């Protein structure tokens, strides 16, 4: 266990995840490179208000807990040593509290390590949470017949609009938030808890933009921000795109933003993780239209 991890409360005690935990989690993710999109400090932090995320340690593991009453769950513990004991302890703790025992978003490589069934633990695939992984070069070059439609959309966009792609700077944050508010008005975010939570996460990301160390990009049309995106490295080979928003009035703006962001900042990476579709049909169709290289399968672990 790293010395800094000892500052965390010992399980079953937890504290709310906060900005001061960034060095601890950054170090943990360096030691144990993640494959799931949830496991960057930025992602955990900006969604903390939604998930009510707490942090603790159990032996040599960091434990993250979403404290949502009957909908509570643990994220996969981060660390090494006795994984079976850790998973079993967390699941039994929930059961003893009268909460359905769940460890969610468990990556396939963890599930395949152990014969979990013989340990009284069941692993069920959770397709709606699977991350879409693409080759960065594919999404920059957009070569071949399968990307013909994407190329056409971008070509029409570039011919029609006087636009500029820029790395996101602090002075553009207020414009990004105005765009997000307008997007939410159009989509009636107040009637959709998922979109409301996303707006909260975006505000958290921009409020702590400098401290989080994430990169962003924006497309300006006639000098006004009409699209923005945020991302960061997930591991040595993979970048993860957390947020992508564009004014729907401009056809081709989304693919133009995606291409420019990767080309400008992430061409040295092999893969881009564009996160999950949450089982939403439109989102699934949009993600599949970019022809993923593979999916990162995630599982729900429960007690038998």
Protein backbone atom coordinates (compact mmCIF):
# COMPACT_ATOMS: atom_id res chain seq x y z
CA UNK A 1 0.00 0.00 0.00
CA UNK A 2 1.26 3.47 -0.87
CA UNK A 3 1.84 5.76 2.12
CA UNK A 4 -0.72 8.31 0.86
CA UNK A 5 -3.46 5.65 0.77
CA UNK A 6 -3.22 5.36 4.56
CA UNK A 7 -4.82 8.82 4.82
CA UNK A 8 -8.09 7.32 3.63
CA UNK A 9 -10.62 6.13 6.23
CA UNK A 10 -10.53 2.39 6.82
CA UNK A 11 -13.52 0.32 5.66
CA UNK A 12 -16.36 0.32 6.65
CA UNK A 13 -15.89 4.06 7.23
CA UNK A 14 -16.04 6.33 4.16
CA UNK A 15 -15.59 9.99 3.35
CA UNK A 16 -17.01 11.96 0.44
CA UNK A 17 -14.77 11.95 -2.62
CA UNK A 18 -13.18 15.39 -2.95
CA UNK A 19 -10.53 17.24 -4.94
CA UNK A 20 -7.93 16.44 -2.29
CA UNK A 21 -8.18 12.77 -3.29
CA UNK A 22 -6.87 13.45 -6.80
CA UNK A 23 -3.19 12.61 -6.06
CA UNK A 24 -4.22 9.33 -4.37
CA UNK A 25 -6.41 8.17 -7.24
CA UNK A 26 -4.01 9.41 -9.93
CA UNK A 27 -1.29 7.30 -8.30
CA UNK A 28 -3.62 4.30 -8.03
CA UNK A 29 -4.56 4.51 -11.71
CA UNK A 30 -0.88 4.77 -12.64
CA UNK A 31 -0.10 1.62 -10.65
CA UNK A 32 -3.20 -0.21 -11.90
CA UNK A 33 -3.94 1.17 -15.38
CA UNK A 34 -7.71 1.18 -15.93
CA UNK A 35 -9.65 0.07 -18.98
CA UNK A 36 -13.10 1.31 -17.91
CA UNK A 37 -14.09 4.92 -18.58
CA UNK A 38 -15.25 5.48 -14.98
CA UNK A 39 -11.72 5.17 -13.67
CA UNK A 40 -10.18 8.58 -14.05
CA UNK A 41 -10.26 11.02 -11.17
CA UNK A 42 -12.06 13.54 -13.38
CA UNK A 43 -14.93 11.17 -14.16
CA UNK A 44 -15.38 10.09 -10.57
CA UNK A 45 -15.21 13.67 -9.30
CA UNK A 46 -17.55 15.39 -11.75
CA UNK A 47 -20.22 12.71 -11.19
CA UNK A 48 -19.76 12.67 -7.40
CA UNK A 49 -22.93 14.64 -6.73
CA UNK A 50 -24.93 12.23 -8.88
CA UNK A 51 -23.50 9.05 -7.38
CA UNK A 52 -22.83 10.40 -3.86
CA UNK A 53 -19.44 8.73 -4.14
CA UNK A 54 -17.49 7.88 -1.01
CA UNK A 55 -13.91 6.65 -0.75
CA UNK A 56 -12.32 4.22 1.70
CA UNK A 57 -9.61 1.56 1.89
CA UNK A 58 -9.81 -2.13 2.63
CA UNK A 59 -6.39 -3.72 3.20
CA UNK A 60 -4.44 -2.82 0.02
CA UNK A 61 -7.51 -1.77 -1.95
CA UNK A 62 -9.13 1.60 -2.56
CA UNK A 63 -12.91 1.24 -2.38
CA UNK A 64 -15.37 3.60 -4.06
CA UNK A 65 -19.01 3.48 -3.01
CA UNK A 66 -22.10 5.04 -4.59
CA UNK A 67 -24.33 5.79 -1.61
CA UNK A 68 -27.83 5.87 -3.12
CA UNK A 69 -29.96 3.97 -0.61
CA UNK A 70 -31.43 0.80 -2.14
CA UNK A 71 -29.63 1.67 -5.41
CA UNK A 72 -26.22 1.78 -3.74
CA UNK A 73 -23.31 -0.14 -5.22
CA UNK A 74 -19.55 -0.46 -5.10
CA UNK A 75 -17.27 0.29 -8.01
CA UNK A 76 -14.59 -2.37 -8.61
CA UNK A 77 -11.95 -2.09 -5.85
CA UNK A 78 -8.59 -0.72 -7.01
CA UNK A 79 -5.53 -2.65 -5.88
CA UNK A 80 -4.05 -6.11 -5.58
CA UNK A 81 -3.68 -8.79 -2.92
CA UNK A 82 -6.68 -10.86 -1.79
CA UNK A 83 -9.29 -9.86 -4.35
CA UNK A 84 -11.76 -12.59 -3.35
CA UNK A 85 -11.78 -11.49 0.29
CA UNK A 86 -12.25 -7.86 -0.71
CA UNK A 87 -15.15 -8.51 -3.10
CA UNK A 88 -16.84 -10.85 -0.66
CA UNK A 89 -16.48 -8.35 2.22
CA UNK A 90 -18.00 -5.50 0.22
CA UNK A 91 -20.92 -7.59 -1.00
CA UNK A 92 -21.71 -9.00 2.45
CA UNK A 93 -21.53 -5.49 3.92
CA UNK A 94 -24.32 -4.35 1.60
CA UNK A 95 -26.41 -7.44 2.31
CA UNK A 96 -26.10 -6.88 6.07
CA UNK A 97 -27.38 -3.32 5.58
CA UNK A 98 -30.43 -4.59 3.69
CA UNK A 99 -29.14 -3.26 0.36
CA UNK A 100 -29.01 -5.51 -2.72
CA UNK A 101 -25.32 -6.55 -2.87
CA UNK A 102 -23.71 -5.20 -6.04
CA UNK A 103 -20.30 -4.34 -7.40
CA UNK A 104 -20.95 -2.62 -10.75
CA UNK A 105 -18.81 -1.77 -13.80
CA UNK A 106 -16.40 -4.67 -13.19
CA UNK A 107 -14.15 -5.09 -16.26
CA UNK A 108 -13.95 -8.42 -18.06
CA UNK A 109 -10.29 -8.93 -17.16
CA UNK A 110 -11.24 -9.09 -13.46
CA UNK A 111 -14.14 -11.48 -14.10
CA UNK A 112 -11.88 -13.85 -16.05
CA UNK A 113 -9.20 -13.95 -13.32
CA UNK A 114 -11.07 -16.14 -10.84
CA UNK A 115 -13.73 -18.83 -10.75
CA UNK A 116 -16.10 -16.46 -8.98
CA UNK A 117 -19.04 -18.88 -9.00
CA UNK A 118 -17.15 -21.30 -6.79
CA UNK A 119 -16.66 -18.39 -4.36
CA UNK A 120 -20.42 -17.77 -4.17
CA UNK A 121 -20.24 -14.69 -6.40
CA UNK A 122 -22.11 -14.32 -9.69
CA UNK A 123 -20.91 -12.11 -12.58
CA UNK A 124 -23.58 -10.89 -15.01
CA UNK A 125 -22.74 -8.88 -18.17
CA UNK A 126 -24.10 -5.31 -18.23
CA UNK A 127 -24.24 -4.43 -21.94
CA UNK A 128 -25.64 -0.94 -21.37
CA UNK A 129 -22.44 0.03 -19.51
CA UNK A 130 -19.97 -1.41 -22.05
CA UNK A 131 -17.47 1.18 -23.31
CA UNK A 132 -17.03 1.76 -27.05
CA UNK A 133 -13.37 1.65 -28.14
CA UNK A 134 -12.17 3.00 -31.50
CA UNK A 135 -8.83 3.32 -33.22
CA UNK A 136 -7.81 6.99 -32.97
CA UNK A 137 -6.37 6.93 -36.49
CA UNK A 138 -9.66 5.57 -37.90
CA UNK A 139 -11.61 8.49 -36.46
CA UNK A 140 -9.06 11.03 -37.68
CA UNK A 141 -8.65 9.65 -41.21
CA UNK A 142 -12.22 8.37 -41.72
CA UNK A 143 -11.02 6.29 -44.67
CA UNK A 144 -12.97 3.65 -46.59
CA UNK A 145 -16.56 3.16 -47.66
CA UNK A 146 -17.90 2.69 -44.14
CA UNK A 147 -16.97 6.28 -43.22
CA UNK A 148 -18.33 7.78 -46.44
CA UNK A 149 -21.30 9.39 -44.68
CA UNK A 150 -19.12 10.90 -41.93
CA UNK A 151 -16.74 12.38 -44.50
CA UNK A 152 -19.66 13.88 -46.41
CA UNK A 153 -21.11 15.45 -43.27
CA UNK A 154 -17.76 17.02 -42.38
CA UNK A 155 -17.19 18.20 -45.96
CA UNK A 156 -20.58 19.90 -46.10
CA UNK A 157 -20.00 21.46 -42.69
CA UNK A 158 -16.63 22.90 -43.72
CA UNK A 159 -18.03 24.25 -46.99
CA UNK A 160 -21.08 25.84 -45.40
CA UNK A 161 -19.73 27.47 -42.23
CA UNK A 162 -17.00 29.91 -41.31
CA UNK A 163 -15.60 27.89 -38.40
CA UNK A 164 -12.49 27.59 -36.25
CA UNK A 165 -11.34 24.75 -33.96
CA UNK A 166 -9.47 25.93 -30.84
CA UNK A 167 -8.07 24.23 -27.74
CA UNK A 168 -10.45 25.11 -24.93
CA UNK A 169 -9.26 28.03 -22.80
CA UNK A 170 -10.69 29.26 -19.47
CA UNK A 171 -12.13 32.38 -21.10
CA UNK A 172 -14.43 30.19 -23.23
CA UNK A 173 -15.95 28.29 -20.31
CA UNK A 174 -18.84 30.72 -19.81
CA UNK A 175 -19.79 30.36 -23.49
CA UNK A 176 -19.63 26.56 -23.18
CA UNK A 177 -22.02 26.68 -20.23
CA UNK A 178 -24.38 28.96 -22.19
CA UNK A 179 -24.36 26.43 -25.03
CA UNK A 180 -25.05 23.60 -22.58
CA UNK A 181 -27.93 25.53 -21.01
CA UNK A 182 -29.44 26.16 -24.45
CA UNK A 183 -28.99 22.48 -25.35
CA UNK A 184 -30.76 21.53 -22.11
CA UNK A 185 -33.65 23.88 -22.82
CA UNK A 186 -34.08 22.19 -26.19
CA UNK A 187 -33.96 18.69 -24.68
CA UNK A 188 -36.02 19.54 -21.56
CA UNK A 189 -33.27 18.35 -19.21
CA UNK A 190 -35.35 19.24 -16.16
CA UNK A 191 -37.68 16.34 -17.02
CA UNK A 192 -34.85 13.83 -17.45
CA UNK A 193 -32.77 12.96 -14.33
CA UNK A 194 -29.96 11.58 -16.49
CA UNK A 195 -29.60 14.82 -18.48
CA UNK A 196 -29.93 16.90 -15.30
CA UNK A 197 -27.09 14.92 -13.72
CA UNK A 198 -25.00 15.33 -16.86
CA UNK A 199 -25.45 19.11 -16.72
CA UNK A 200 -24.29 19.04 -13.09
CA UNK A 201 -21.23 16.98 -14.11
CA UNK A 202 -20.39 19.42 -16.91
CA UNK A 203 -20.62 22.37 -14.50
CA UNK A 204 -18.30 20.54 -12.08
CA UNK A 205 -15.82 19.88 -14.89
CA UNK A 206 -15.72 23.54 -15.90
CA UNK A 207 -15.70 24.88 -12.33
CA UNK A 208 -12.56 22.82 -11.60
CA UNK A 209 -11.15 22.80 -15.15
CA UNK A 210 -7.63 23.87 -14.19
CA UNK A 211 -7.36 21.67 -11.10
CA UNK A 212 -8.56 18.57 -12.95
CA UNK A 213 -5.98 18.96 -15.70
CA UNK A 214 -8.31 17.82 -18.49
CA UNK A 215 -8.06 18.97 -22.09
CA UNK A 216 -10.87 20.49 -24.05
CA UNK A 217 -11.63 21.66 -27.53
CA UNK A 218 -14.22 23.98 -29.03
CA UNK A 219 -15.53 24.86 -32.46
CA UNK A 220 -16.32 28.52 -33.01
CA UNK A 221 -18.68 29.58 -35.80
CA UNK A 222 -18.52 33.29 -36.58
CA UNK A 223 -16.51 33.61 -33.38
CA UNK A 224 -19.11 31.97 -31.11
CA UNK A 225 -18.69 28.64 -29.31
CA UNK A 226 -21.11 26.18 -30.91
CA UNK A 227 -19.51 22.90 -29.77
CA UNK A 228 -17.18 21.72 -27.03
CA UNK A 229 -15.61 18.49 -25.81
CA UNK A 230 -13.51 17.29 -22.84
CA UNK A 231 -11.14 14.35 -22.56
CA UNK A 232 -7.97 12.99 -20.97
CA UNK A 233 -5.70 9.93 -20.98
CA UNK A 234 -7.21 6.75 -19.54
CA UNK A 235 -4.06 4.66 -19.80
CA UNK A 236 -0.86 4.74 -21.88
CA UNK A 237 -2.64 3.60 -25.04
CA UNK A 238 -6.09 5.09 -24.61
CA UNK A 239 -7.68 8.52 -24.34
CA UNK A 240 -11.22 8.84 -22.98
CA UNK A 241 -13.73 11.43 -24.18
CA UNK A 242 -15.99 12.38 -21.27
CA UNK A 243 -18.16 15.14 -22.73
CA UNK A 244 -19.18 16.18 -26.23
CA UNK A 245 -21.85 18.78 -26.93
CA UNK A 246 -22.79 20.65 -30.10
CA UNK A 247 -25.50 22.97 -31.34
CA UNK A 248 -27.83 20.66 -33.34
CA UNK A 249 -28.61 23.50 -35.78
CA UNK A 250 -25.27 22.91 -37.51
CA UNK A 251 -25.26 19.68 -39.52
CA UNK A 252 -21.93 17.87 -39.38
CA UNK A 253 -20.75 19.72 -36.27
CA UNK A 254 -20.45 16.61 -34.05
CA UNK A 255 -18.23 14.58 -36.44
CA UNK A 256 -16.15 17.69 -37.21
CA UNK A 257 -15.57 18.26 -33.48
CA UNK A 258 -14.69 14.61 -32.83
CA UNK A 259 -12.18 14.54 -35.69
CA UNK A 260 -10.55 17.88 -34.79
CA UNK A 261 -10.22 17.05 -31.08
CA UNK A 262 -8.47 13.74 -31.75
CA UNK A 263 -6.27 15.17 -34.49
CA UNK A 264 -5.22 18.20 -32.44
CA UNK A 265 -4.50 16.51 -29.10
CA UNK A 266 -4.55 12.72 -29.16
CA UNK A 267 -2.97 11.47 -32.41
CA UNK A 268 -0.20 9.81 -30.38
CA UNK A 269 -2.69 7.41 -28.73
CA UNK A 270 -3.82 4.11 -30.23
CA UNK A 271 -7.38 3.99 -28.89
CA UNK A 272 -10.16 6.34 -27.90
CA UNK A 273 -12.78 5.27 -25.36
CA UNK A 274 -16.07 7.07 -26.07
CA UNK A 275 -17.82 5.62 -23.03
CA UNK A 276 -21.13 3.74 -22.87
CA UNK A 277 -24.56 4.10 -24.45
CA UNK A 278 -26.59 3.49 -21.24
CA UNK A 279 -29.05 1.39 -23.25
CA UNK A 280 -30.37 4.47 -25.09
CA UNK A 281 -31.28 3.49 -28.64
CA UNK A 282 -30.25 6.79 -30.24
CA UNK A 283 -26.95 6.91 -28.42
CA UNK A 284 -26.21 3.27 -29.30
CA UNK A 285 -26.90 3.96 -32.97
CA UNK A 286 -24.63 7.03 -32.91
CA UNK A 287 -21.75 5.13 -31.28
CA UNK A 288 -22.12 2.15 -33.61
CA UNK A 289 -22.05 4.50 -36.63
CA UNK A 290 -18.34 5.07 -35.91
CA UNK A 291 -17.63 1.31 -36.14
CA UNK A 292 -15.98 0.48 -32.79
CA UNK A 293 -12.82 -1.60 -32.78
CA UNK A 294 -14.14 -3.46 -29.73
CA UNK A 295 -16.21 -3.01 -26.57
CA UNK A 296 -14.90 -3.05 -23.02
CA UNK A 297 -17.38 -5.44 -21.43
CA UNK A 298 -18.45 -4.67 -17.88
CA UNK A 299 -20.18 -6.91 -15.37
CA UNK A 300 -22.34 -6.70 -12.27
CA UNK A 301 -21.07 -8.86 -9.39
CA UNK A 302 -23.62 -10.13 -6.89
CA UNK A 303 -23.84 -12.81 -4.20
CA UNK A 304 -25.26 -16.12 -5.31
